Amino acid sequence: MASLPVPHTLPRASPAVVGAASGRRGRAAVRVRTATAALGGGCGGGGMEQRHGEAPHGPVKEKPVMSNIGKSTNILWHNCPIGQSDRQKLLGQKGCVVWITGLSGSGKSTLACALSRELHYRGHLTYVLDGDNLRHGLTRDLSFKAEDRAENIRRVGEVAKLFADAGIICIASLISPYRRDRDACRALLPDSIFIEVFLDLPLKICEARDPKGLYKLARTGKIKGFTGVDDPYEPPVNGEIVITMKDGECPSPKAMAKQVLCYLEENGYLQA
């Protein structure tokens, strides 16, 4: 077969066709630039500029209210859409603070652990804030002087408040000897969710137990400012629960825990 002849040059478009195509591209570019300006100038954020003196478009945001609390200045409280009631529904219980107070050796830590165990077996979430444990970390910079003891209780009260807000049953076990400090913790929370438990055992019983040997050290002058020996303990006036000896016998850990459990059940803390 004979091959077809190949032209030496490609045919050029007529000037009329080229002009028409250029016009269409030009008009399209104008339309794109116009649309971009209307949308605010694209990535560069150009668009229409606000002239000096003109009012801004859209609603005016309110200026946040800043607070000064203690030594903290210009701070702002941020609210979360998930609140305490939502967390309580999730856990099937009401957040609260069970504050166990009493002399050294009265059984505060023993009760706290027994109560936490019983609640855990029933499917409830708890956390124990033990005084000695906290002095290993959170309050290790504090001594046992009156002013440091007050700060110790304040810190624990603030932490307990957070646990209660999380919907957790917080069990705090501390000597907390001064009434004003315990009352200050109560004031941090709605009154109904601060449950003060007083282990009302005589000093002679607590000193006879002396599980840490601290009374002996205090009596020999090796420890100063020891509650019950040379520093006062102020018992609660209107505590929710008082645990005492019965028939000359100290109640067992299980019996003490049951007394607190009954209170929690009767007052609706074990349901959301």
C-alpha atoms as a PDB file:
ATOM      1  CA  MET A   1       0.000   0.000   0.000  1.00  0.00           C
ATOM      2  CA  ALA A   2       1.189   3.493  -0.750  1.00  0.00           C
ATOM      3  CA  SER A   3       1.874   5.630   2.315  1.00  0.00           C
ATOM      4  CA  LEU A   4       0.007   8.857   2.794  1.00  0.00           C
ATOM      5  CA  PRO A   5       2.023  12.027   2.469  1.00  0.00           C
ATOM      6  CA  VAL A   6       2.953  13.734   5.782  1.00  0.00           C
ATOM      7  CA  PRO A   7       2.595  17.509   5.819  1.00  0.00           C
ATOM      8  CA  HIS A   8       5.761  19.472   6.687  1.00  0.00           C
ATOM      9  CA  THR A   9       3.893  21.828   9.083  1.00  0.00           C
ATOM     10  CA  LEU A  10       0.753  21.445  11.209  1.00  0.00           C
ATOM     11  CA  PRO A  11      -2.199  23.518  10.182  1.00  0.00           C
ATOM     12  CA  ARG A  12      -2.664  26.692  12.231  1.00  0.00           C
ATOM     13  CA  ALA A  13      -5.972  27.661  13.817  1.00  0.00           C
ATOM     14  CA  SER A  14      -7.586  30.648  12.342  1.00  0.00           C
ATOM     15  CA  PRO A  15      -7.232  33.977  14.189  1.00  0.00           C
ATOM     16  CA  ALA A  16     -10.967  33.993  14.824  1.00  0.00           C
ATOM     17  CA  VAL A  17     -10.853  30.624  16.643  1.00  0.00           C
ATOM     18  CA  VAL A  18      -7.819  31.664  18.728  1.00  0.00           C
ATOM     19  CA  GLY A  19      -9.473  34.910  19.723  1.00  0.00           C
ATOM     20  CA  ALA A  20     -12.657  33.143  20.760  1.00  0.00           C
ATOM     21  CA  ALA A  21     -10.743  30.647  22.918  1.00  0.00           C
ATOM     22  CA  SER A  22      -8.722  33.418  24.558  1.00  0.00           C
ATOM     23  CA  GLY A  23     -11.871  35.321  25.296  1.00  0.00           C
ATOM     24  CA  ARG A  24     -13.452  32.308  26.958  1.00  0.00           C
ATOM     25  CA  ARG A  25     -10.348  31.746  29.134  1.00  0.00           C
ATOM     26  CA  GLY A  26     -10.249  35.412  30.057  1.00  0.00           C
ATOM     27  CA  ARG A  27     -13.910  35.457  31.045  1.00  0.00           C
ATOM     28  CA  ALA A  28     -13.461  32.231  33.046  1.00  0.00           C
ATOM     29  CA  ALA A  29     -10.475  33.723  34.896  1.00  0.00           C
ATOM     30  CA  VAL A  30     -12.521  36.816  35.739  1.00  0.00           C
ATOM     31  CA  ARG A  31     -15.353  34.651  37.036  1.00  0.00           C
ATOM     32  CA  VAL A  32     -12.903  32.637  39.238  1.00  0.00           C
ATOM     33  CA  ARG A  33     -11.319  35.791  40.644  1.00  0.00           C
ATOM     34  CA  THR A  34     -14.715  37.278  41.385  1.00  0.00           C
ATOM     35  CA  ALA A  35     -15.923  34.111  43.154  1.00  0.00           C
ATOM     36  CA  THR A  36     -12.719  33.885  45.188  1.00  0.00           C
ATOM     37  CA  ALA A  37     -13.074  37.484  46.333  1.00  0.00           C
ATOM     38  CA  ALA A  38     -16.672  36.868  47.358  1.00  0.00           C
ATOM     39  CA  LEU A  39     -15.579  33.891  49.479  1.00  0.00           C
ATOM     40  CA  GLY A  40     -13.024  35.924  51.362  1.00  0.00           C
ATOM     41  CA  GLY A  41      -9.930  35.785  49.203  1.00  0.00           C
ATOM     42  CA  GLY A  42      -9.090  32.055  49.420  1.00  0.00           C
ATOM     43  CA  CYS A  43      -6.124  30.818  51.495  1.00  0.00           C
ATOM     44  CA  GLY A  44      -4.525  34.235  51.623  1.00  0.00           C
ATOM     45  CA  GLY A  45      -7.519  35.666  53.465  1.00  0.00           C
ATOM     46  CA  GLY A  46      -7.645  38.739  51.170  1.00  0.00           C
ATOM     47  CA  GLY A  47     -11.220  39.291  50.126  1.00  0.00           C
ATOM     48  CA  MET A  48     -13.180  42.314  51.206  1.00  0.00           C
ATOM     49  CA  GLU A  49     -11.483  44.347  53.907  1.00  0.00           C
ATOM     50  CA  GLN A  50     -13.325  46.022  56.758  1.00  0.00           C
ATOM     51  CA  ARG A  51     -12.984  49.756  56.557  1.00  0.00           C
ATOM     52  CA  HIS A  52     -11.885  51.762  59.550  1.00  0.00           C
ATOM     53  CA  GLY A  53     -14.828  52.705  61.750  1.00  0.00           C
ATOM     54  CA  GLU A  54     -17.230  50.097  60.367  1.00  0.00           C
ATOM     55  CA  ALA A  55     -18.973  47.697  62.781  1.00  0.00           C
ATOM     56  CA  PRO A  56     -17.828  44.039  62.525  1.00  0.00           C
ATOM     57  CA  HIS A  57     -20.209  41.571  60.929  1.00  0.00           C
ATOM     58  CA  GLY A  58     -21.921  38.826  63.016  1.00  0.00           C
ATOM     59  CA  PRO A  59     -22.691  38.636  66.763  1.00  0.00           C
ATOM     60  CA  VAL A  60     -20.295  40.280  69.203  1.00  0.00           C
ATOM     61  CA  LYS A  61     -18.709  37.785  71.629  1.00  0.00           C
ATOM     62  CA  GLU A  62     -18.915  38.576  75.329  1.00  0.00           C
ATOM     63  CA  LYS A  63     -15.631  39.227  77.058  1.00  0.00           C
ATOM     64  CA  PRO A  64     -14.736  36.284  79.357  1.00  0.00           C
ATOM     65  CA  VAL A  65     -14.913  36.969  83.088  1.00  0.00           C
ATOM     66  CA  MET A  66     -11.480  36.415  84.614  1.00  0.00           C
ATOM     67  CA  SER A  67     -10.913  35.593  88.276  1.00  0.00           C
ATOM     68  CA  ASN A  68      -8.261  36.236  90.900  1.00  0.00           C
ATOM     69  CA  ILE A  69      -8.157  33.489  93.538  1.00  0.00           C
ATOM     70  CA  GLY A  70      -5.448  33.451  96.179  1.00  0.00           C
ATOM     71  CA  LYS A  71      -2.144  34.054  94.423  1.00  0.00           C
ATOM     72  CA  SER A  72      -3.563  32.974  91.041  1.00  0.00           C
ATOM     73  CA  THR A  73      -4.564  35.899  88.837  1.00  0.00           C
ATOM     74  CA  ASN A  74      -6.382  36.229  85.500  1.00  0.00           C
ATOM     75  CA  ILE A  75      -7.700  32.671  85.477  1.00  0.00           C
ATOM     76  CA  LEU A  76     -10.805  31.421  83.708  1.00  0.00           C
ATOM     77  CA  TRP A  77     -13.076  28.497  84.643  1.00  0.00           C
ATOM     78  CA  HIS A  78     -13.802  26.267  81.626  1.00  0.00           C
ATOM     79  CA  ASN A  79     -17.031  24.260  81.691  1.00  0.00           C
ATOM     80  CA  CYS A  80     -17.249  20.825  80.072  1.00  0.00           C
ATOM     81  CA  PRO A  81     -20.472  19.602  78.399  1.00  0.00           C
ATOM     82  CA  ILE A  82     -20.176  16.311  80.318  1.00  0.00           C
ATOM     83  CA  GLY A  83     -21.080  17.013  83.943  1.00  0.00           C
ATOM     84  CA  GLN A  84     -21.310  15.222  87.264  1.00  0.00           C
ATOM     85  CA  SER A  85     -24.795  13.861  86.595  1.00  0.00           C
ATOM     86  CA  ASP A  86     -23.601  12.284  83.341  1.00  0.00           C
ATOM     87  CA  ARG A  87     -20.714  10.565  85.093  1.00  0.00           C
ATOM     88  CA  GLN A  88     -22.970   9.388  87.903  1.00  0.00           C
ATOM     89  CA  LYS A  89     -25.382   7.803  85.425  1.00  0.00           C
ATOM     90  CA  LEU A  90     -22.456   6.027  83.790  1.00  0.00           C
ATOM     91  CA  LEU A  91     -21.264   4.635  87.147  1.00  0.00           C
ATOM     92  CA  GLY A  92     -24.695   3.970  88.650  1.00  0.00           C
ATOM     93  CA  GLN A  93     -23.886   5.808  91.900  1.00  0.00           C
ATOM     94  CA  LYS A  94     -23.635   9.284  93.413  1.00  0.00           C
ATOM     95  CA  GLY A  95     -20.269  10.912  94.001  1.00  0.00           C
ATOM     96  CA  CYS A  96     -19.625  11.785  97.641  1.00  0.00           C
ATOM     97  CA  VAL A  97     -16.904  12.141 100.284  1.00  0.00           C
ATOM     98  CA  VAL A  98     -16.843   9.819 103.290  1.00  0.00           C
ATOM     99  CA  TRP A  99     -14.536  11.679 105.694  1.00  0.00           C
ATOM    100  CA  ILE A 100     -13.271   9.387 108.494  1.00  0.00           C
ATOM    101  CA  THR A 101     -11.783  11.227 111.475  1.00  0.00           C
ATOM    102  CA  GLY A 102     -10.497  10.129 114.876  1.00  0.00           C
ATOM    103  CA  LEU A 103      -7.425   9.653 117.023  1.00  0.00           C
ATOM    104  CA  SER A 104      -4.374   7.778 115.838  1.00  0.00           C
ATOM    105  CA  GLY A 105      -5.051   4.089 116.390  1.00  0.00           C
ATOM    106  CA  SER A 106      -8.836   4.441 116.261  1.00  0.00           C
ATOM    107  CA  GLY A 107      -9.094   2.349 113.075  1.00  0.00           C
ATOM    108  CA  LYS A 108      -9.563   4.961 110.352  1.00  0.00           C
ATOM    109  CA  SER A 109      -7.427   3.264 107.706  1.00  0.00           C
ATOM    110  CA  THR A 110      -8.857  -0.120 108.640  1.00  0.00           C
ATOM    111  CA  LEU A 111     -12.401   1.157 108.172  1.00  0.00           C
ATOM    112  CA  ALA A 112     -11.513   2.913 104.913  1.00  0.00           C
ATOM    113  CA  CYS A 113     -10.117  -0.271 103.379  1.00  0.00           C
ATOM    114  CA  ALA A 114     -12.982  -2.442 104.668  1.00  0.00           C
ATOM    115  CA  LEU A 115     -15.563  -0.018 103.303  1.00  0.00           C
ATOM    116  CA  SER A 116     -13.802   0.261  99.947  1.00  0.00           C
ATOM    117  CA  ARG A 117     -13.658  -3.543  99.673  1.00  0.00           C
ATOM    118  CA  GLU A 118     -17.363  -3.993 100.470  1.00  0.00           C
ATOM    119  CA  LEU A 119     -18.383  -1.320  97.947  1.00  0.00           C
ATOM    120  CA  HIS A 120     -16.086  -2.808  95.314  1.00  0.00           C
ATOM    121  CA  TYR A 121     -17.696  -6.231  95.736  1.00  0.00           C
ATOM    122  CA  ARG A 122     -21.075  -4.577  95.160  1.00  0.00           C
ATOM    123  CA  GLY A 123     -19.887  -3.026  91.915  1.00  0.00           C
ATOM    124  CA  HIS A 124     -19.211   0.541  93.099  1.00  0.00           C
ATOM    125  CA  LEU A 125     -16.174   2.662  92.245  1.00  0.00           C
ATOM    126  CA  THR A 126     -14.276   4.107  95.214  1.00  0.00           C
ATOM    127  CA  TYR A 127     -10.936   5.682  95.982  1.00  0.00           C
ATOM    128  CA  VAL A 128      -9.224   5.929  99.380  1.00  0.00           C
ATOM    129  CA  LEU A 129      -7.280   9.057 100.351  1.00  0.00           C
ATOM    130  CA  ASP A 130      -5.220   7.896 103.321  1.00  0.00           C
ATOM    131  CA  GLY A 131      -3.433  10.528 105.378  1.00  0.00           C
ATOM    132  CA  ASP A 132      -0.103   8.708 105.638  1.00  0.00           C
ATOM    133  CA  ASN A 133      -0.170   7.685 101.975  1.00  0.00           C
ATOM    134  CA  LEU A 134      -0.737  11.278 100.879  1.00  0.00           C
ATOM    135  CA  ARG A 135       2.234  12.456 102.931  1.00  0.00           C
ATOM    136  CA  HIS A 136       4.392  10.298 100.666  1.00  0.00           C
ATOM    137  CA  GLY A 137       3.580  12.628  97.775  1.00  0.00           C
ATOM    138  CA  LEU A 138       0.862  15.289  97.692  1.00  0.00           C
ATOM    139  CA  THR A 139       1.614  16.719 101.151  1.00  0.00           C
ATOM    140  CA  ARG A 140       5.199  15.568 101.719  1.00  0.00           C
ATOM    141  CA  ASP A 141       6.326  19.186 102.029  1.00  0.00           C
ATOM    142  CA  LEU A 142       4.151  19.732 105.119  1.00  0.00           C
ATOM    143  CA  SER A 143       4.987  19.162 108.781  1.00  0.00           C
ATOM    144  CA  PHE A 144       2.634  18.411 111.674  1.00  0.00           C
ATOM    145  CA  LYS A 145       2.512  21.999 112.938  1.00  0.00           C
ATOM    146  CA  ALA A 146      -0.966  23.517 113.191  1.00  0.00           C
ATOM    147  CA  GLU A 147      -0.626  25.704 110.084  1.00  0.00           C
ATOM    148  CA  ASP A 148       0.746  22.818 108.003  1.00  0.00           C
ATOM    149  CA  ARG A 149      -1.965  20.505 109.228  1.00  0.00           C
ATOM    150  CA  ALA A 150      -4.535  23.028 108.057  1.00  0.00           C
ATOM    151  CA  GLU A 151      -2.931  23.136 104.596  1.00  0.00           C
ATOM    152  CA  ASN A 152      -2.758  19.333 104.558  1.00  0.00           C
ATOM    153  CA  ILE A 153      -6.498  19.050 105.144  1.00  0.00           C
ATOM    154  CA  ARG A 154      -7.238  21.799 102.618  1.00  0.00           C
ATOM    155  CA  ARG A 155      -5.346  19.971  99.869  1.00  0.00           C
ATOM    156  CA  VAL A 156      -7.016  16.663 100.642  1.00  0.00           C
ATOM    157  CA  GLY A 157     -10.411  18.377 100.684  1.00  0.00           C
ATOM    158  CA  GLU A 158      -9.823  19.836  97.217  1.00  0.00           C
ATOM    159  CA  VAL A 159      -8.759  16.442  95.834  1.00  0.00           C
ATOM    160  CA  ALA A 160     -11.753  14.737  97.463  1.00  0.00           C
ATOM    161  CA  LYS A 161     -14.003  17.340  95.851  1.00  0.00           C
ATOM    162  CA  LEU A 162     -12.660  16.393  92.409  1.00  0.00           C
ATOM    163  CA  PHE A 163     -13.277  12.697  93.047  1.00  0.00           C
ATOM    164  CA  ALA A 164     -16.860  13.402  94.125  1.00  0.00           C
ATOM    165  CA  ASP A 165     -17.405  15.521  91.018  1.00  0.00           C
ATOM    166  CA  ALA A 166     -16.145  12.567  88.965  1.00  0.00           C
ATOM    167  CA  GLY A 167     -18.980  10.486  90.448  1.00  0.00           C
ATOM    168  CA  ILE A 168     -16.645   8.425  92.646  1.00  0.00           C
ATOM    169  CA  ILE A 169     -17.249   7.521  96.295  1.00  0.00           C
ATOM    170  CA  CYS A 170     -14.147   9.068  97.867  1.00  0.00           C
ATOM    171  CA  ILE A 171     -13.108   7.740 101.281  1.00  0.00           C
ATOM    172  CA  ALA A 172     -10.745  10.067 103.155  1.00  0.00           C
ATOM    173  CA  SER A 173      -9.128   8.776 106.344  1.00  0.00           C
ATOM    174  CA  LEU A 174      -7.167  11.339 108.323  1.00  0.00           C
ATOM    175  CA  ILE A 175      -6.850  12.346 111.963  1.00  0.00           C
ATOM    176  CA  SER A 176      -7.905  15.866 110.904  1.00  0.00           C
ATOM    177  CA  PRO A 177      -7.941  17.023 114.533  1.00  0.00           C
ATOM    178  CA  TYR A 178      -9.271  20.559 114.103  1.00  0.00           C
ATOM    179  CA  ARG A 179     -12.966  21.156 113.625  1.00  0.00           C
ATOM    180  CA  ARG A 180     -12.522  24.308 111.569  1.00  0.00           C
ATOM    181  CA  ASP A 181     -10.433  22.452 108.981  1.00  0.00           C
ATOM    182  CA  ARG A 182     -13.009  19.688 108.590  1.00  0.00           C
ATOM    183  CA  ASP A 183     -15.769  22.265 108.341  1.00  0.00           C
ATOM    184  CA  ALA A 184     -13.800  24.057 105.614  1.00  0.00           C
ATOM    185  CA  CYS A 185     -13.739  20.810 103.610  1.00  0.00           C
ATOM    186  CA  ARG A 186     -17.469  20.397 104.133  1.00  0.00           C
ATOM    187  CA  ALA A 187     -17.983  23.921 102.809  1.00  0.00           C
ATOM    188  CA  LEU A 188     -16.257  22.951  99.542  1.00  0.00           C
ATOM    189  CA  LEU A 189     -19.091  20.549  98.751  1.00  0.00           C
ATOM    190  CA  PRO A 190     -22.863  20.563  98.847  1.00  0.00           C
ATOM    191  CA  ASP A 191     -23.638  19.571 102.443  1.00  0.00           C
ATOM    192  CA  SER A 192     -25.455  16.400 101.438  1.00  0.00           C
ATOM    193  CA  ILE A 193     -22.400  14.784  99.833  1.00  0.00           C
ATOM    194  CA  PHE A 194     -19.936  15.318 102.711  1.00  0.00           C
ATOM    195  CA  ILE A 195     -20.375  12.451 105.156  1.00  0.00           C
ATOM    196  CA  GLU A 196     -18.377  12.864 108.363  1.00  0.00           C
ATOM    197  CA  VAL A 197     -17.629   9.583 110.173  1.00  0.00           C
ATOM    198  CA  PHE A 198     -16.267   9.927 113.704  1.00  0.00           C
ATOM    199  CA  LEU A 199     -14.478   6.957 115.253  1.00  0.00           C
ATOM    200  CA  ASP A 200     -15.242   7.770 118.873  1.00  0.00           C
ATOM    201  CA  LEU A 201     -12.855   5.464 120.679  1.00  0.00           C
ATOM    202  CA  PRO A 202     -11.290   6.377 124.033  1.00  0.00           C
ATOM    203  CA  LEU A 203      -7.688   7.586 124.075  1.00  0.00           C
ATOM    204  CA  LYS A 204      -6.633   4.714 126.356  1.00  0.00           C
ATOM    205  CA  ILE A 205      -7.870   2.168 123.791  1.00  0.00           C
ATOM    206  CA  CYS A 206      -6.078   3.900 120.926  1.00  0.00           C
ATOM    207  CA  GLU A 207      -2.893   4.253 122.974  1.00  0.00           C
ATOM    208  CA  ALA A 208      -3.037   0.595 124.018  1.00  0.00           C
ATOM    209  CA  ARG A 209      -3.207  -0.398 120.364  1.00  0.00           C
ATOM    210  CA  ASP A 210      -0.456   2.032 119.270  1.00  0.00           C
ATOM    211  CA  PRO A 211       0.077   0.200 115.946  1.00  0.00           C
ATOM    212  CA  LYS A 212       2.880   2.579 114.839  1.00  0.00           C
ATOM    213  CA  GLY A 213       4.486   3.076 118.251  1.00  0.00           C
ATOM    214  CA  LEU A 214       3.789   6.797 118.041  1.00  0.00           C
ATOM    215  CA  TYR A 215       2.106   7.210 121.443  1.00  0.00           C
ATOM    216  CA  LYS A 216       5.186   5.747 123.118  1.00  0.00           C
ATOM    217  CA  LEU A 217       7.425   8.204 121.273  1.00  0.00           C
ATOM    218  CA  ALA A 218       5.092  11.096 122.189  1.00  0.00           C
ATOM    219  CA  ARG A 219       5.015  10.124 125.865  1.00  0.00           C
ATOM    220  CA  THR A 220       8.807  10.091 126.004  1.00  0.00           C
ATOM    221  CA  GLY A 221       9.005  13.495 124.320  1.00  0.00           C
ATOM    222  CA  LYS A 222      10.522  12.231 121.081  1.00  0.00           C
ATOM    223  CA  ILE A 223       7.505  13.480 119.097  1.00  0.00           C
ATOM    224  CA  LYS A 224       6.081  16.937 119.747  1.00  0.00           C
ATOM    225  CA  GLY A 225       2.549  18.097 118.962  1.00  0.00           C
ATOM    226  CA  PHE A 226       1.036  14.606 118.879  1.00  0.00           C
ATOM    227  CA  THR A 227      -2.767  14.554 118.811  1.00  0.00           C
ATOM    228  CA  GLY A 228      -4.241  13.307 122.081  1.00  0.00           C
ATOM    229  CA  VAL A 229      -1.014  13.751 124.025  1.00  0.00           C
ATOM    230  CA  ASP A 230       0.222  17.354 123.726  1.00  0.00           C
ATOM    231  CA  ASP A 231      -2.070  18.551 120.934  1.00  0.00           C
ATOM    232  CA  PRO A 232      -5.888  18.606 121.096  1.00  0.00           C
ATOM    233  CA  TYR A 233      -8.424  16.623 119.110  1.00  0.00           C
ATOM    234  CA  GLU A 234     -11.728  18.422 118.504  1.00  0.00           C
ATOM    235  CA  PRO A 235     -14.533  15.873 117.938  1.00  0.00           C
ATOM    236  CA  PRO A 236     -17.292  16.570 115.419  1.00  0.00           C
ATOM    237  CA  VAL A 237     -20.400  18.291 116.739  1.00  0.00           C
ATOM    238  CA  ASN A 238     -22.903  17.229 114.084  1.00  0.00           C
ATOM    239  CA  GLY A 239     -21.215  14.367 112.238  1.00  0.00           C
ATOM    240  CA  GLU A 240     -23.386  12.116 110.088  1.00  0.00           C
ATOM    241  CA  ILE A 241     -22.067   8.850 111.565  1.00  0.00           C
ATOM    242  CA  VAL A 242     -20.556   8.094 114.971  1.00  0.00           C
ATOM    243  CA  ILE A 243     -18.956   4.702 115.595  1.00  0.00           C
ATOM    244  CA  THR A 244     -18.430   3.784 119.255  1.00  0.00           C
ATOM    245  CA  MET A 245     -17.642   0.795 121.418  1.00  0.00           C
ATOM    246  CA  LYS A 246     -20.525  -1.538 122.276  1.00  0.00           C
ATOM    247  CA  ASP A 247     -20.639  -3.463 125.536  1.00  0.00           C
ATOM    248  CA  GLY A 248     -17.024  -2.558 126.126  1.00  0.00           C
ATOM    249  CA  GLU A 249     -15.926  -4.056 122.810  1.00  0.00           C
ATOM    250  CA  CYS A 250     -14.568  -2.322 119.749  1.00  0.00           C
ATOM    251  CA  PRO A 251     -16.616  -3.034 116.610  1.00  0.00           C
ATOM    252  CA  SER A 252     -15.017  -5.208 113.949  1.00  0.00           C
ATOM    253  CA  PRO A 253     -13.928  -3.687 110.617  1.00  0.00           C
ATOM    254  CA  LYS A 254     -16.833  -5.446 108.895  1.00  0.00           C
ATOM    255  CA  ALA A 255     -19.332  -4.088 111.435  1.00  0.00           C
ATOM    256  CA  MET A 256     -17.989  -0.554 111.029  1.00  0.00           C
ATOM    257  CA  ALA A 257     -18.135  -0.818 107.241  1.00  0.00           C
ATOM    258  CA  LYS A 258     -21.703  -2.121 107.424  1.00  0.00           C
ATOM    259  CA  GLN A 259     -22.773   0.895 109.488  1.00  0.00           C
ATOM    260  CA  VAL A 260     -21.441   3.269 106.816  1.00  0.00           C
ATOM    261  CA  LEU A 261     -22.885   1.126 103.997  1.00  0.00           C
ATOM    262  CA  CYS A 262     -26.347   1.294 105.547  1.00  0.00           C
ATOM    263  CA  TYR A 263     -26.119   5.077 105.631  1.00  0.00           C
ATOM    264  CA  LEU A 264     -25.072   5.221 101.974  1.00  0.00           C
ATOM    265  CA  GLU A 265     -27.893   2.895 100.932  1.00  0.00           C
ATOM    266  CA  GLU A 266     -30.563   4.691 102.942  1.00  0.00           C
ATOM    267  CA  ASN A 267     -29.570   8.061 101.516  1.00  0.00           C
ATOM    268  CA  GLY A 268     -29.443   6.974  97.862  1.00  0.00           C
ATOM    269  CA  TYR A 269     -25.698   7.182  97.228  1.00  0.00           C
ATOM    270  CA  LEU A 270     -25.509   3.676  95.742  1.00  0.00           C
ATOM    271  CA  GLN A 271     -27.742   4.526  92.812  1.00  0.00           C
ATOM    272  CA  ALA A 272     -27.553   7.229  90.164  1.00  0.00           C
END
